All heavy atoms as atom14 arrays in JSON, in Angstrom:
{
  "sequence": "TRQNFDEWMIPVYAPAAFIPVRAEGSTLWDQEGKEYIDFAGGIAVN",
  "atom14_mask": [
    [1, 1, 1, 1, 1, 1, 1, 0, 0, 0, 0, 0, 0, 0],
    [1, 1, 1, 1, 1, 1, 1, 1, 1, 1, 1, 0, 0, 0],
    [1, 1, 1, 1, 1, 1, 1, 1, 1, 0, 0, 0, 0, 0],
    [1, 1, 1, 1, 1, 1, 1, 1, 0, 0, 0, 0, 0, 0],
    [1, 1, 1, 1, 1, 1, 1, 1, 1, 1, 1, 0, 0, 0],
    [1, 1, 1, 1, 1, 1, 1, 1, 0, 0, 0, 0, 0, 0],
    [1, 1, 1, 1, 1, 1, 1, 1, 1, 0, 0, 0, 0, 0],
    [1, 1, 1, 1, 1, 1, 1, 1, 1, 1, 1, 1, 1, 1],
    [1, 1, 1, 1, 1, 1, 1, 1, 0, 0, 0, 0, 0, 0],
    [1, 1, 1, 1, 1, 1, 1, 1, 0, 0, 0, 0, 0, 0],
    [1, 1, 1, 1, 1, 1, 1, 0, 0, 0, 0, 0, 0, 0],
    [1, 1, 1, 1, 1, 1, 1, 0, 0, 0, 0, 0, 0, 0],
    [1, 1, 1, 1, 1, 1, 1, 1, 1, 1, 1, 1, 0, 0],
    [1, 1, 1, 1, 1, 0, 0, 0, 0, 0, 0, 0, 0, 0],
    [1, 1, 1, 1, 1, 1, 1, 0, 0, 0, 0, 0, 0, 0],
    [1, 1, 1, 1, 1, 0, 0, 0, 0, 0, 0, 0, 0, 0],
    [1, 1, 1, 1, 1, 0, 0, 0, 0, 0, 0, 0, 0, 0],
    [1, 1, 1, 1, 1, 1, 1, 1, 1, 1, 1, 0, 0, 0],
    [1, 1, 1, 1, 1, 1, 1, 1, 0, 0, 0, 0, 0, 0],
    [1, 1, 1, 1, 1, 1, 1, 0, 0, 0, 0, 0, 0, 0],
    [1, 1, 1, 1, 1, 1, 1, 0, 0, 0, 0, 0, 0, 0],
    [1, 1, 1, 1, 1, 1, 1, 1, 1, 1, 1, 0, 0, 0],
    [1, 1, 1, 1, 1, 0, 0, 0, 0, 0, 0, 0, 0, 0],
    [1, 1, 1, 1, 1, 1, 1, 1, 1, 0, 0, 0, 0, 0],
    [1, 1, 1, 1, 0, 0, 0, 0, 0, 0, 0, 0, 0, 0],
    [1, 1, 1, 1, 1, 1, 0, 0, 0, 0, 0, 0, 0, 0],
    [1, 1, 1, 1, 1, 1, 1, 0, 0, 0, 0, 0, 0, 0],
    [1, 1, 1, 1, 1, 1, 1, 1, 0, 0, 0, 0, 0, 0],
    [1, 1, 1, 1, 1, 1, 1, 1, 1, 1, 1, 1, 1, 1],
    [1, 1, 1, 1, 1, 1, 1, 1, 0, 0, 0, 0, 0, 0],
    [1, 1, 1, 1, 1, 1, 1, 1, 1, 0, 0, 0, 0, 0],
    [1, 1, 1, 1, 1, 1, 1, 1, 1, 0, 0, 0, 0, 0],
    [1, 1, 1, 1, 0, 0, 0, 0, 0, 0, 0, 0, 0, 0],
    [1, 1, 1, 1, 1, 1, 1, 1, 1, 0, 0, 0, 0, 0],
    [1, 1, 1, 1, 1, 1, 1, 1, 1, 0, 0, 0, 0, 0],
    [1, 1, 1, 1, 1, 1, 1, 1, 1, 1, 1, 1, 0, 0],
    [1, 1, 1, 1, 1, 1, 1, 1, 0, 0, 0, 0, 0, 0],
    [1, 1, 1, 1, 1, 1, 1, 1, 0, 0, 0, 0, 0, 0],
    [1, 1, 1, 1, 1, 1, 1, 1, 1, 1, 1, 0, 0, 0],
    [1, 1, 1, 1, 1, 0, 0, 0, 0, 0, 0, 0, 0, 0],
    [1, 1, 1, 1, 0, 0, 0, 0, 0, 0, 0, 0, 0, 0],
    [1, 1, 1, 1, 0, 0, 0, 0, 0, 0, 0, 0, 0, 0],
    [1, 1, 1, 1, 1, 1, 1, 1, 0, 0, 0, 0, 0, 0],
    [1, 1, 1, 1, 1, 0, 0, 0, 0, 0, 0, 0, 0, 0],
    [1, 1, 1, 1, 1, 1, 1, 0, 0, 0, 0, 0, 0, 0],
    [1, 1, 1, 1, 1, 1, 1, 1, 0, 0, 0, 0, 0, 0]
  ],
  "atom14_positions": [
    [[-21.57, -85.64, 63.38], [-22.82, -86.16, 62.82], [-23.47, -87.11, 63.83], [-22.82, -87.57, 64.78], [-22.58, -86.94, 61.52], [-21.86, -88.16, 61.83], [-21.77, -86.11, 60.53], [0.0, 0.0, 0.0], [0.0, 0.0, 0.0], [0.0, 0.0, 0.0], [0.0, 0.0, 0.0], [0.0, 0.0, 0.0], [0.0, 0.0, 0.0], [0.0, 0.0, 0.0]],
    [[-24.72, -87.42, 63.59], [-25.44, -88.36, 64.46], [-24.76, -89.73, 64.47], [-24.77, -90.44, 65.5], [-26.9, -88.46, 63.99], [-27.72, -89.58, 64.59], [-27.86, -89.49, 66.11], [-28.64, -90.61, 66.61], [-28.15, -91.83, 66.8], [-26.87, -92.1, 66.56], [-28.94, -92.8, 67.26], [0.0, 0.0, 0.0], [0.0, 0.0, 0.0], [0.0, 0.0, 0.0]],
    [[-24.13, -90.11, 63.37], [-23.44, -91.41, 63.29], [-22.31, -91.52, 64.32], [-21.99, -92.61, 64.79], [-22.89, -91.63, 61.88], [-22.32, -93.02, 61.67], [-21.76, -93.22, 60.27], [-22.05, -92.43, 59.37], [-20.95, -94.25, 60.09], [0.0, 0.0, 0.0], [0.0, 0.0, 0.0], [0.0, 0.0, 0.0], [0.0, 0.0, 0.0], [0.0, 0.0, 0.0]],
    [[-21.72, -90.36, 64.68], [-20.64, -90.38, 65.66], [-21.11, -90.93, 67.01], [-20.32, -91.55, 67.74], [-20.07, -88.98, 65.87], [-19.42, -88.41, 64.62], [-19.5, -87.21, 64.36], [-18.77, -89.26, 63.83], [0.0, 0.0, 0.0], [0.0, 0.0, 0.0], [0.0, 0.0, 0.0], [0.0, 0.0, 0.0], [0.0, 0.0, 0.0], [0.0, 0.0, 0.0]],
    [[-22.38, -90.73, 67.34], [-22.9, -91.3, 68.58], [-22.75, -92.82, 68.56], [-22.3, -93.43, 69.53], [-24.37, -90.91, 68.77], [-24.98, -91.48, 70.04], [-25.01, -90.74, 71.2], [-25.51, -92.78, 70.06], [-25.55, -91.27, 72.37], [-26.04, -93.32, 71.22], [-26.06, -92.56, 72.38], [0.0, 0.0, 0.0], [0.0, 0.0, 0.0], [0.0, 0.0, 0.0]],
    [[-23.13, -93.42, 67.45], [-23.07, -94.88, 67.34], [-21.64, -95.4, 67.35], [-21.38, -96.54, 67.74], [-23.77, -95.34, 66.05], [-25.24, -94.94, 66.03], [-25.86, -94.9, 67.11], [-25.77, -94.66, 64.93], [0.0, 0.0, 0.0], [0.0, 0.0, 0.0], [0.0, 0.0, 0.0], [0.0, 0.0, 0.0], [0.0, 0.0, 0.0], [0.0, 0.0, 0.0]],
    [[-20.7, -94.54, 66.95], [-19.29, -94.95, 66.89], [-18.58, -94.79, 68.22], [-17.7, -95.58, 68.55], [-18.56, -94.12, 65.83], [-19.05, -94.36, 64.4], [-18.53, -93.31, 63.44], [-17.98, -92.28, 63.91], [-18.69, -93.49, 62.22], [0.0, 0.0, 0.0], [0.0, 0.0, 0.0], [0.0, 0.0, 0.0], [0.0, 0.0, 0.0], [0.0, 0.0, 0.0]],
    [[-18.93, -93.77, 68.99], [-18.13, -93.38, 70.15], [-18.79, -93.57, 71.51], [-18.1, -93.65, 72.52], [-17.73, -91.9, 70.04], [-16.97, -91.56, 68.79], [-16.18, -92.39, 68.03], [-16.92, -90.29, 68.14], [-15.65, -91.72, 66.96], [-16.08, -90.42, 67.01], [-17.48, -89.04, 68.41], [-15.81, -89.35, 66.15], [-17.21, -87.98, 67.56], [-16.38, -88.15, 66.44]],
    [[-20.11, -93.6, 71.55], [-20.82, -93.6, 72.83], [-21.22, -95.01, 73.25], [-21.54, -95.86, 72.41], [-22.06, -92.72, 72.75], [-21.78, -91.27, 72.34], [-20.86, -90.34, 73.58], [-22.2, -89.88, 74.67], [0.0, 0.0, 0.0], [0.0, 0.0, 0.0], [0.0, 0.0, 0.0], [0.0, 0.0, 0.0], [0.0, 0.0, 0.0], [0.0, 0.0, 0.0]],
    [[-21.22, -95.26, 74.56], [-21.78, -96.51, 75.08], [-23.28, -96.48, 74.79], [-23.96, -95.52, 75.14], [-21.5, -96.65, 76.59], [-19.98, -96.78, 76.83], [-22.24, -97.85, 77.18], [-19.57, -96.77, 78.27], [0.0, 0.0, 0.0], [0.0, 0.0, 0.0], [0.0, 0.0, 0.0], [0.0, 0.0, 0.0], [0.0, 0.0, 0.0], [0.0, 0.0, 0.0]],
    [[-23.82, -97.51, 74.16], [-25.17, -97.41, 73.58], [-26.31, -97.63, 74.57], [-27.18, -98.47, 74.37], [-25.15, -98.5, 72.51], [-24.23, -99.53, 73.06], [-23.16, -98.78, 73.8], [0.0, 0.0, 0.0], [0.0, 0.0, 0.0], [0.0, 0.0, 0.0], [0.0, 0.0, 0.0], [0.0, 0.0, 0.0], [0.0, 0.0, 0.0], [0.0, 0.0, 0.0]],
    [[-26.33, -96.83, 75.65], [-27.43, -96.95, 76.61], [-28.62, -96.08, 76.21], [-29.68, -96.15, 76.83], [-26.98, -96.59, 78.05], [-25.98, -97.62, 78.56], [-26.39, -95.19, 78.11], [0.0, 0.0, 0.0], [0.0, 0.0, 0.0], [0.0, 0.0, 0.0], [0.0, 0.0, 0.0], [0.0, 0.0, 0.0], [0.0, 0.0, 0.0], [0.0, 0.0, 0.0]],
    [[-28.47, -95.25, 75.18], [-29.57, -94.45, 74.64], [-29.71, -94.72, 73.15], [-28.77, -95.18, 72.5], [-29.32, -92.94, 74.83], [-29.0, -92.53, 76.24], [-27.75, -92.0, 76.57], [-29.94, -92.67, 77.26], [-27.45, -91.62, 77.87], [-29.64, -92.3, 78.56], [-28.4, -91.77, 78.86], [-28.1, -91.41, 80.14], [0.0, 0.0, 0.0], [0.0, 0.0, 0.0]],
    [[-30.88, -94.39, 72.63], [-31.12, -94.44, 71.18], [-31.65, -93.07, 70.77], [-32.85, -92.88, 70.58], [-32.12, -95.53, 70.84], [0.0, 0.0, 0.0], [0.0, 0.0, 0.0], [0.0, 0.0, 0.0], [0.0, 0.0, 0.0], [0.0, 0.0, 0.0], [0.0, 0.0, 0.0], [0.0, 0.0, 0.0], [0.0, 0.0, 0.0], [0.0, 0.0, 0.0]],
    [[-30.75, -92.08, 70.65], [-31.22, -90.71, 70.39], [-31.82, -90.54, 69.01], [-31.61, -91.35, 68.1], [-29.96, -89.86, 70.56], [-28.82, -90.79, 70.38], [-29.3, -92.14, 70.79], [0.0, 0.0, 0.0], [0.0, 0.0, 0.0], [0.0, 0.0, 0.0], [0.0, 0.0, 0.0], [0.0, 0.0, 0.0], [0.0, 0.0, 0.0], [0.0, 0.0, 0.0]],
    [[-32.56, -89.45, 68.86], [-33.21, -89.11, 67.59], [-32.18, -89.01, 66.47], [-30.98, -88.87, 66.71], [-33.97, -87.8, 67.73], [0.0, 0.0, 0.0], [0.0, 0.0, 0.0], [0.0, 0.0, 0.0], [0.0, 0.0, 0.0], [0.0, 0.0, 0.0], [0.0, 0.0, 0.0], [0.0, 0.0, 0.0], [0.0, 0.0, 0.0], [0.0, 0.0, 0.0]],
    [[-32.67, -89.04, 65.25], [-31.79, -89.0, 64.08], [-31.18, -87.61, 63.85], [-30.22, -87.48, 63.1], [-32.56, -89.43, 62.84], [0.0, 0.0, 0.0], [0.0, 0.0, 0.0], [0.0, 0.0, 0.0], [0.0, 0.0, 0.0], [0.0, 0.0, 0.0], [0.0, 0.0, 0.0], [0.0, 0.0, 0.0], [0.0, 0.0, 0.0], [0.0, 0.0, 0.0]],
    [[-31.73, -86.59, 64.49], [-31.22, -85.22, 64.33], [-30.5, -84.78, 65.6], [-30.73, -85.32, 66.69], [-32.35, -84.25, 64.0], [-33.41, -84.13, 65.07], [-33.33, -83.14, 66.05], [-34.49, -85.0, 65.11], [-34.3, -83.03, 67.03], [-35.47, -84.9, 66.1], [-35.37, -83.91, 67.06], [0.0, 0.0, 0.0], [0.0, 0.0, 0.0], [0.0, 0.0, 0.0]],
    [[-29.61, -83.78, 65.45], [-28.89, -83.23, 66.6], [-29.34, -81.78, 66.8], [-29.1, -80.93, 65.93], [-27.37, -83.29, 66.41], [-26.89, -84.74, 66.28], [-26.65, -82.59, 67.57], [-25.38, -84.88, 66.11], [0.0, 0.0, 0.0], [0.0, 0.0, 0.0], [0.0, 0.0, 0.0], [0.0, 0.0, 0.0], [0.0, 0.0, 0.0], [0.0, 0.0, 0.0]],
    [[-29.98, -81.46, 67.92], [-30.34, -80.06, 68.19], [-29.08, -79.24, 68.44], [-28.14, -79.71, 69.1], [-31.18, -80.15, 69.46], [-31.56, -81.6, 69.6], [-30.45, -82.36, 68.97], [0.0, 0.0, 0.0], [0.0, 0.0, 0.0], [0.0, 0.0, 0.0], [0.0, 0.0, 0.0], [0.0, 0.0, 0.0], [0.0, 0.0, 0.0], [0.0, 0.0, 0.0]],
    [[-29.05, -78.02, 67.92], [-27.87, -77.17, 68.11], [-28.2, -75.79, 68.68], [-27.33, -75.12, 69.21], [-27.08, -76.99, 66.78], [-26.47, -78.31, 66.34], [-27.96, -76.4, 65.68], [0.0, 0.0, 0.0], [0.0, 0.0, 0.0], [0.0, 0.0, 0.0], [0.0, 0.0, 0.0], [0.0, 0.0, 0.0], [0.0, 0.0, 0.0], [0.0, 0.0, 0.0]],
    [[-29.45, -75.39, 68.59], [-29.82, -74.05, 69.06], [-31.29, -74.05, 69.46], [-32.1, -74.76, 68.86], [-29.58, -73.02, 67.95], [-29.81, -71.57, 68.37], [-29.36, -70.62, 67.26], [-30.18, -70.71, 66.05], [-31.31, -70.02, 65.88], [-31.76, -69.22, 66.83], [-31.99, -70.14, 64.75], [0.0, 0.0, 0.0], [0.0, 0.0, 0.0], [0.0, 0.0, 0.0]],
    [[-31.61, -73.27, 70.49], [-33.0, -73.21, 70.93], [-33.26, -71.89, 71.64], [-32.35, -71.29, 72.21], [-33.33, -74.38, 71.85], [0.0, 0.0, 0.0], [0.0, 0.0, 0.0], [0.0, 0.0, 0.0], [0.0, 0.0, 0.0], [0.0, 0.0, 0.0], [0.0, 0.0, 0.0], [0.0, 0.0, 0.0], [0.0, 0.0, 0.0], [0.0, 0.0, 0.0]],
    [[-34.52, -71.49, 71.59], [-34.95, -70.29, 72.29], [-36.39, -70.51, 72.72], [-37.25, -70.88, 71.9], [-34.86, -69.08, 71.35], [-35.13, -67.76, 72.05], [-34.93, -66.58, 71.11], [-34.04, -66.65, 70.22], [-35.66, -65.59, 71.27], [0.0, 0.0, 0.0], [0.0, 0.0, 0.0], [0.0, 0.0, 0.0], [0.0, 0.0, 0.0], [0.0, 0.0, 0.0]],
    [[-36.67, -70.32, 74.01], [-38.01, -70.61, 74.51], [-38.31, -72.09, 74.34], [-37.57, -72.95, 74.81], [0.0, 0.0, 0.0], [0.0, 0.0, 0.0], [0.0, 0.0, 0.0], [0.0, 0.0, 0.0], [0.0, 0.0, 0.0], [0.0, 0.0, 0.0], [0.0, 0.0, 0.0], [0.0, 0.0, 0.0], [0.0, 0.0, 0.0], [0.0, 0.0, 0.0]],
    [[-39.39, -72.4, 73.63], [-39.73, -73.8, 73.35], [-39.62, -74.13, 71.86], [-40.25, -75.07, 71.37], [-41.15, -74.09, 73.85], [-41.18, -74.08, 75.26], [0.0, 0.0, 0.0], [0.0, 0.0, 0.0], [0.0, 0.0, 0.0], [0.0, 0.0, 0.0], [0.0, 0.0, 0.0], [0.0, 0.0, 0.0], [0.0, 0.0, 0.0], [0.0, 0.0, 0.0]],
    [[-38.8, -73.36, 71.17], [-38.53, -73.62, 69.74], [-37.06, -73.97, 69.59], [-36.19, -73.32, 70.19], [-38.89, -72.39, 68.89], [-40.25, -72.04, 69.13], [-38.71, -72.68, 67.41], [0.0, 0.0, 0.0], [0.0, 0.0, 0.0], [0.0, 0.0, 0.0], [0.0, 0.0, 0.0], [0.0, 0.0, 0.0], [0.0, 0.0, 0.0], [0.0, 0.0, 0.0]],
    [[-36.8, -74.98, 68.8], [-35.45, -75.56, 68.7], [-35.11, -75.81, 67.24], [-36.0, -76.04, 66.42], [-35.48, -76.86, 69.51], [-34.26, -77.72, 69.68], [-34.33, -78.41, 71.04], [-34.19, -78.78, 68.59], [0.0, 0.0, 0.0], [0.0, 0.0, 0.0], [0.0, 0.0, 0.0], [0.0, 0.0, 0.0], [0.0, 0.0, 0.0], [0.0, 0.0, 0.0]],
    [[-33.82, -75.74, 66.91], [-33.36, -75.99, 65.54], [-32.25, -77.03, 65.55], [-31.42, -77.07, 66.47], [-32.84, -74.69, 64.91], [-33.91, -73.66, 64.71], [-34.68, -73.46, 63.59], [-34.36, -72.68, 65.67], [-35.57, -72.43, 63.79], [-35.39, -71.93, 65.05], [-33.99, -72.37, 66.98], [-36.05, -70.89, 65.7], [-34.66, -71.34, 67.64], [-35.67, -70.61, 67.0]],
    [[-32.24, -77.86, 64.49], [-31.2, -78.89, 64.39], [-30.06, -78.42, 63.49], [-30.02, -77.25, 63.05], [-31.79, -80.22, 63.93], [-32.3, -80.21, 62.48], [-31.98, -79.26, 61.73], [-33.01, -81.18, 62.1], [0.0, 0.0, 0.0], [0.0, 0.0, 0.0], [0.0, 0.0, 0.0], [0.0, 0.0, 0.0], [0.0, 0.0, 0.0], [0.0, 0.0, 0.0]],
    [[-29.12, -79.32, 63.22], [-27.93, -78.98, 62.43], [-28.29, -78.49, 61.03], [-27.55, -77.71, 60.43], [-27.02, -80.2, 62.31], [-26.28, -80.56, 63.58], [-25.49, -81.84, 63.41], [-26.01, -82.84, 62.91], [-24.23, -81.84, 63.84], [0.0, 0.0, 0.0], [0.0, 0.0, 0.0], [0.0, 0.0, 0.0], [0.0, 0.0, 0.0], [0.0, 0.0, 0.0]],
    [[-29.42, -78.97, 60.53], [-29.84, -78.6, 59.17], [-30.69, -77.34, 59.15], [-31.14, -76.9, 58.09], [-30.64, -79.75, 58.53], [-29.99, -81.12, 58.61], [-28.6, -81.12, 58.02], [-28.43, -80.53, 56.93], [-27.68, -81.71, 58.63], [0.0, 0.0, 0.0], [0.0, 0.0, 0.0], [0.0, 0.0, 0.0], [0.0, 0.0, 0.0], [0.0, 0.0, 0.0]],
    [[-30.96, -76.78, 60.33], [-31.79, -75.59, 60.4], [-33.28, -75.88, 60.49], [-34.09, -74.95, 60.47], [0.0, 0.0, 0.0], [0.0, 0.0, 0.0], [0.0, 0.0, 0.0], [0.0, 0.0, 0.0], [0.0, 0.0, 0.0], [0.0, 0.0, 0.0], [0.0, 0.0, 0.0], [0.0, 0.0, 0.0], [0.0, 0.0, 0.0], [0.0, 0.0, 0.0]],
    [[-33.64, -77.15, 60.59], [-35.06, -77.5, 60.72], [-35.58, -77.09, 62.1], [-34.9, -77.29, 63.11], [-35.26, -79.0, 60.51], [-36.72, -79.45, 60.62], [-36.87, -80.94, 60.35], [-38.29, -81.4, 60.6], [-38.49, -82.83, 60.3], [0.0, 0.0, 0.0], [0.0, 0.0, 0.0], [0.0, 0.0, 0.0], [0.0, 0.0, 0.0], [0.0, 0.0, 0.0]],
    [[-36.81, -76.57, 62.14], [-37.39, -76.07, 63.38], [-38.29, -77.12, 64.03], [-39.0, -77.86, 63.35], [-38.22, -74.81, 63.07], [-38.9, -74.21, 64.29], [-39.91, -73.14, 63.92], [-39.46, -72.04, 63.55], [-41.14, -73.43, 63.99], [0.0, 0.0, 0.0], [0.0, 0.0, 0.0], [0.0, 0.0, 0.0], [0.0, 0.0, 0.0], [0.0, 0.0, 0.0]],
    [[-38.25, -77.18, 65.36], [-39.09, -78.08, 66.14], [-39.74, -77.29, 67.28], [-39.12, -76.39, 67.84], [-38.27, -79.21, 66.77], [-37.5, -80.06, 65.79], [-36.27, -79.62, 65.28], [-37.98, -81.3, 65.38], [-35.56, -80.39, 64.36], [-37.27, -82.08, 64.48], [-36.06, -81.62, 63.97], [-35.36, -82.39, 63.08], [0.0, 0.0, 0.0], [0.0, 0.0, 0.0]],
    [[-40.95, -77.68, 67.64], [-41.55, -77.2, 68.89], [-41.26, -78.27, 69.95], [-41.53, -79.46, 69.75], [-43.07, -76.98, 68.76], [-43.35, -75.93, 67.68], [-43.66, -76.55, 70.11], [-42.81, -74.54, 67.96], [0.0, 0.0, 0.0], [0.0, 0.0, 0.0], [0.0, 0.0, 0.0], [0.0, 0.0, 0.0], [0.0, 0.0, 0.0], [0.0, 0.0, 0.0]],
    [[-40.71, -77.83, 71.07], [-40.22, -78.75, 72.1], [-41.29, -78.99, 73.16], [-41.49, -78.18, 74.06], [-38.95, -78.16, 72.74], [-38.33, -79.08, 73.77], [-38.83, -80.21, 73.94], [-37.36, -78.67, 74.41], [0.0, 0.0, 0.0], [0.0, 0.0, 0.0], [0.0, 0.0, 0.0], [0.0, 0.0, 0.0], [0.0, 0.0, 0.0], [0.0, 0.0, 0.0]],
    [[-41.98, -80.13, 73.04], [-42.95, -80.55, 74.05], [-42.31, -81.52, 75.05], [-42.99, -82.0, 75.95], [-44.15, -81.24, 73.39], [-45.07, -80.32, 72.64], [-45.82, -80.81, 71.57], [-45.21, -78.99, 72.98], [-46.69, -79.99, 70.87], [-46.08, -78.15, 72.29], [-46.82, -78.65, 71.23], [0.0, 0.0, 0.0], [0.0, 0.0, 0.0], [0.0, 0.0, 0.0]],
    [[-41.02, -81.83, 74.87], [-40.33, -82.78, 75.75], [-39.71, -82.07, 76.95], [-39.64, -82.63, 78.05], [-39.26, -83.53, 74.96], [0.0, 0.0, 0.0], [0.0, 0.0, 0.0], [0.0, 0.0, 0.0], [0.0, 0.0, 0.0], [0.0, 0.0, 0.0], [0.0, 0.0, 0.0], [0.0, 0.0, 0.0], [0.0, 0.0, 0.0], [0.0, 0.0, 0.0]],
    [[-39.24, -80.86, 76.73], [-38.67, -80.07, 77.83], [-37.51, -80.75, 78.53], [-37.3, -80.58, 79.73], [0.0, 0.0, 0.0], [0.0, 0.0, 0.0], [0.0, 0.0, 0.0], [0.0, 0.0, 0.0], [0.0, 0.0, 0.0], [0.0, 0.0, 0.0], [0.0, 0.0, 0.0], [0.0, 0.0, 0.0], [0.0, 0.0, 0.0], [0.0, 0.0, 0.0]],
    [[-36.72, -81.52, 77.74], [-35.6, -82.22, 78.38], [-36.06, -83.23, 79.41], [-35.35, -83.53, 80.38], [0.0, 0.0, 0.0], [0.0, 0.0, 0.0], [0.0, 0.0, 0.0], [0.0, 0.0, 0.0], [0.0, 0.0, 0.0], [0.0, 0.0, 0.0], [0.0, 0.0, 0.0], [0.0, 0.0, 0.0], [0.0, 0.0, 0.0], [0.0, 0.0, 0.0]],
    [[-37.26, -83.8, 79.22], [-37.95, -84.69, 80.17], [-38.23, -83.93, 81.48], [-37.72, -84.27, 82.55], [-37.21, -86.02, 80.43], [-36.67, -86.63, 79.12], [-38.15, -87.01, 81.13], [-35.98, -87.96, 79.28], [0.0, 0.0, 0.0], [0.0, 0.0, 0.0], [0.0, 0.0, 0.0], [0.0, 0.0, 0.0], [0.0, 0.0, 0.0], [0.0, 0.0, 0.0]],
    [[-39.01, -82.87, 81.34], [-39.48, -82.06, 82.48], [-38.34, -81.32, 83.19], [-38.43, -81.03, 84.38], [-40.26, -82.92, 83.48], [0.0, 0.0, 0.0], [0.0, 0.0, 0.0], [0.0, 0.0, 0.0], [0.0, 0.0, 0.0], [0.0, 0.0, 0.0], [0.0, 0.0, 0.0], [0.0, 0.0, 0.0], [0.0, 0.0, 0.0], [0.0, 0.0, 0.0]],
    [[-37.29, -81.0, 82.46], [-36.13, -80.3, 83.03], [-36.17, -78.81, 82.72], [-35.93, -77.97, 83.61], [-34.81, -80.92, 82.52], [-33.62, -80.01, 82.82], [-34.6, -82.3, 83.13], [0.0, 0.0, 0.0], [0.0, 0.0, 0.0], [0.0, 0.0, 0.0], [0.0, 0.0, 0.0], [0.0, 0.0, 0.0], [0.0, 0.0, 0.0], [0.0, 0.0, 0.0]],
    [[-36.45, -78.46, 81.48], [-36.34, -77.06, 81.05], [-37.57, -76.26, 81.5], [-38.43, -75.91, 80.7], [-36.19, -76.99, 79.52], [-34.97, -77.75, 79.05], [-33.96, -77.82, 79.74], [-35.06, -78.35, 77.87], [0.0, 0.0, 0.0], [0.0, 0.0, 0.0], [0.0, 0.0, 0.0], [0.0, 0.0, 0.0], [0.0, 0.0, 0.0], [0.0, 0.0, 0.0]]
  ]
}
């Protein structure tokens, strides 16, 4: 879960409340199956 980040990771980031698990092209889905359009591109990486 997203809470695991707060428990286990050194807190140098503040990630979004959802965890992406699958993506194709510029469309992405989180653990709950919610769809997102990705305008971030991994910060100009993808």
